[in-house]
Amino acid sequence: MNPPNGQFFLDVDRTVKSFTLNSLFPNQQKFLAATRNIGVTTAVDDSRSRRYDIFLELKKVGQ
């Protein structure tokens, strides 16, 4: 039996342009303006441990 896995991907540029987001933390707008994509993959290693791989793609300076 394969362990359960999960994946999540968010295109921050497209999301911010399409939806109005409530402020969740200070300087949220600066964080969103500097972030291009967020991705998360999860995996169950065994009955007591989980693995989370987090991908954060930032924009280059001047974009």
N, C-alpha and C. Protein backbone atom coordinates (compact mmCIF):
# COMPACT_ATOMS: atom_id res chain seq x y z
N MET A 1 0.84 -1.19 0.00
CA MET A 1 0.00 0.00 0.00
C MET A 1 0.88 1.24 0.00
N ASN A 2 0.60 2.18 -0.89
CA ASN A 2 1.35 3.43 -0.97
C ASN A 2 0.88 4.39 0.10
N PRO A 3 1.81 5.13 0.72
CA PRO A 3 1.39 6.11 1.73
C PRO A 3 0.66 7.27 1.07
N PRO A 4 -0.29 7.89 1.78
CA PRO A 4 -1.00 9.04 1.21
C PRO A 4 -0.05 10.23 1.01
N ASN A 5 -0.21 10.88 -0.10
CA ASN A 5 0.58 12.06 -0.42
C ASN A 5 -0.37 13.19 -0.80
N GLY A 6 0.10 14.41 -0.67
CA GLY A 6 -0.71 15.54 -1.08
C GLY A 6 0.15 16.61 -1.72
N GLN A 7 -0.45 17.38 -2.60
CA GLN A 7 0.27 18.46 -3.27
C GLN A 7 -0.62 19.69 -3.30
N PHE A 8 0.03 20.85 -3.19
CA PHE A 8 -0.67 22.13 -3.24
C PHE A 8 0.22 23.09 -4.01
N PHE A 9 -0.37 23.85 -4.93
CA PHE A 9 0.39 24.85 -5.69
C PHE A 9 -0.45 26.12 -5.78
N LEU A 10 0.18 27.25 -5.57
CA LEU A 10 -0.51 28.53 -5.66
C LEU A 10 0.30 29.49 -6.52
N ASP A 11 -0.30 29.96 -7.61
CA ASP A 11 0.28 31.00 -8.45
C ASP A 11 -0.10 32.32 -7.79
N VAL A 12 0.81 32.89 -7.04
CA VAL A 12 0.52 34.09 -6.24
C VAL A 12 0.16 35.27 -7.13
N ASP A 13 0.88 35.48 -8.22
CA ASP A 13 0.58 36.61 -9.12
C ASP A 13 -0.87 36.57 -9.58
N ARG A 14 -1.29 35.43 -10.09
CA ARG A 14 -2.65 35.29 -10.62
C ARG A 14 -3.70 35.40 -9.50
N THR A 15 -3.42 34.83 -8.35
CA THR A 15 -4.37 34.86 -7.23
C THR A 15 -4.58 36.28 -6.71
N VAL A 16 -3.49 37.02 -6.55
CA VAL A 16 -3.60 38.39 -6.02
C VAL A 16 -4.36 39.29 -7.00
N LYS A 17 -4.16 39.06 -8.30
CA LYS A 17 -4.87 39.86 -9.30
C LYS A 17 -6.36 39.50 -9.38
N SER A 18 -6.70 38.25 -9.07
CA SER A 18 -8.08 37.77 -9.24
C SER A 18 -8.96 37.90 -8.01
N PHE A 19 -8.36 37.90 -6.82
CA PHE A 19 -9.14 37.88 -5.59
C PHE A 19 -8.69 38.97 -4.64
N THR A 20 -9.63 39.49 -3.85
CA THR A 20 -9.31 40.40 -2.77
C THR A 20 -8.99 39.57 -1.54
N LEU A 21 -7.81 39.74 -0.97
CA LEU A 21 -7.40 38.95 0.17
C LEU A 21 -7.40 39.81 1.43
N ASN A 22 -7.99 39.27 2.50
CA ASN A 22 -7.94 39.95 3.79
C ASN A 22 -6.52 39.89 4.32
N SER A 23 -6.15 40.89 5.11
CA SER A 23 -4.81 40.92 5.69
C SER A 23 -4.73 39.92 6.84
N LEU A 24 -3.77 39.00 6.75
CA LEU A 24 -3.60 37.99 7.79
C LEU A 24 -2.41 38.28 8.70
N PHE A 25 -1.43 39.04 8.19
CA PHE A 25 -0.25 39.33 9.00
C PHE A 25 0.34 40.66 8.52
N PRO A 26 1.14 41.32 9.38
CA PRO A 26 1.75 42.60 8.99
C PRO A 26 2.65 42.42 7.76
N ASN A 27 2.69 43.42 6.93
CA ASN A 27 3.52 43.43 5.71
C ASN A 27 3.13 42.34 4.71
N GLN A 28 1.88 41.91 4.74
CA GLN A 28 1.40 40.88 3.83
C GLN A 28 1.54 41.31 2.38
N GLN A 29 1.23 42.55 2.08
CA GLN A 29 1.30 43.04 0.70
C GLN A 29 2.73 42.97 0.17
N LYS A 30 3.71 43.29 1.00
CA LYS A 30 5.11 43.21 0.57
C LYS A 30 5.51 41.77 0.27
N PHE A 31 5.06 40.85 1.12
CA PHE A 31 5.35 39.43 0.90
C PHE A 31 4.72 38.94 -0.40
N LEU A 32 3.45 39.29 -0.63
CA LEU A 32 2.76 38.86 -1.85
C LEU A 32 3.38 39.49 -3.09
N ALA A 33 3.81 40.73 -2.99
CA ALA A 33 4.42 41.41 -4.13
C ALA A 33 5.78 40.79 -4.49
N ALA A 34 6.46 40.18 -3.53
CA ALA A 34 7.78 39.59 -3.76
C ALA A 34 7.72 38.11 -4.13
N THR A 35 6.54 37.48 -4.02
CA THR A 35 6.41 36.03 -4.21
C THR A 35 5.74 35.72 -5.55
N ARG A 36 6.31 34.79 -6.29
CA ARG A 36 5.74 34.37 -7.56
C ARG A 36 4.87 33.12 -7.38
N ASN A 37 5.40 32.07 -6.72
CA ASN A 37 4.68 30.80 -6.55
C ASN A 37 4.97 30.20 -5.18
N ILE A 38 4.01 29.40 -4.69
CA ILE A 38 4.20 28.62 -3.48
C ILE A 38 3.73 27.20 -3.79
N GLY A 39 4.54 26.23 -3.44
CA GLY A 39 4.17 24.84 -3.64
C GLY A 39 4.50 24.03 -2.40
N VAL A 40 3.64 23.06 -2.07
CA VAL A 40 3.86 22.19 -0.92
C VAL A 40 3.54 20.76 -1.33
N THR A 41 4.42 19.84 -0.97
CA THR A 41 4.17 18.41 -1.15
C THR A 41 4.29 17.75 0.21
N THR A 42 3.34 16.89 0.54
CA THR A 42 3.37 16.17 1.82
C THR A 42 3.44 14.67 1.56
N ALA A 43 4.05 13.96 2.49
CA ALA A 43 4.11 12.50 2.39
C ALA A 43 4.14 11.92 3.80
N VAL A 44 3.51 10.77 3.95
CA VAL A 44 3.53 10.05 5.22
C VAL A 44 4.71 9.08 5.16
N ASP A 45 5.70 9.30 6.04
CA ASP A 45 6.86 8.40 6.06
C ASP A 45 6.54 7.11 6.81
N ASP A 46 5.91 7.24 7.96
CA ASP A 46 5.46 6.08 8.73
C ASP A 46 4.35 6.55 9.67
N SER A 47 3.95 5.71 10.60
CA SER A 47 2.81 6.05 11.47
C SER A 47 3.09 7.23 12.40
N ARG A 48 4.36 7.61 12.54
CA ARG A 48 4.70 8.69 13.46
C ARG A 48 5.36 9.90 12.82
N SER A 49 5.57 9.88 11.52
CA SER A 49 6.26 11.02 10.90
C SER A 49 5.66 11.37 9.54
N ARG A 50 5.70 12.65 9.26
CA ARG A 50 5.24 13.21 8.00
C ARG A 50 6.37 14.05 7.41
N ARG A 51 6.38 14.16 6.10
CA ARG A 51 7.40 14.99 5.43
C ARG A 51 6.68 16.09 4.66
N TYR A 52 7.19 17.31 4.78
CA TYR A 52 6.65 18.46 4.07
C TYR A 52 7.79 19.10 3.27
N ASP A 53 7.64 19.15 1.97
CA ASP A 53 8.60 19.85 1.11
C ASP A 53 7.92 21.12 0.64
N ILE A 54 8.54 22.26 0.95
CA ILE A 54 7.95 23.57 0.63
C ILE A 54 8.81 24.27 -0.40
N PHE A 55 8.19 24.72 -1.48
CA PHE A 55 8.85 25.44 -2.56
C PHE A 55 8.30 26.86 -2.58
N LEU A 56 9.19 27.81 -2.53
CA LEU A 56 8.81 29.23 -2.56
C LEU A 56 9.65 29.90 -3.64
N GLU A 57 8.98 30.38 -4.71
CA GLU A 57 9.69 31.06 -5.79
C GLU A 57 9.48 32.56 -5.63
N LEU A 58 10.57 33.27 -5.45
CA LEU A 58 10.51 34.73 -5.29
C LEU A 58 10.79 35.41 -6.63
N LYS A 59 10.33 36.64 -6.74
CA LYS A 59 10.59 37.41 -7.95
C LYS A 59 12.00 37.99 -7.91
N LYS A 60 12.56 38.23 -9.07
CA LYS A 60 13.86 38.87 -9.15
C LYS A 60 13.69 40.36 -8.88
N VAL A 61 14.75 40.99 -8.44
CA VAL A 61 14.70 42.42 -8.16
C VAL A 61 14.38 43.17 -9.44
N GLY A 62 13.47 44.14 -9.34
CA GLY A 62 13.11 44.97 -10.49
C GLY A 62 11.94 44.44 -11.27
N GLN A 63 11.33 43.35 -10.85
CA GLN A 63 10.16 42.83 -11.59
C GLN A 63 8.89 43.19 -10.86
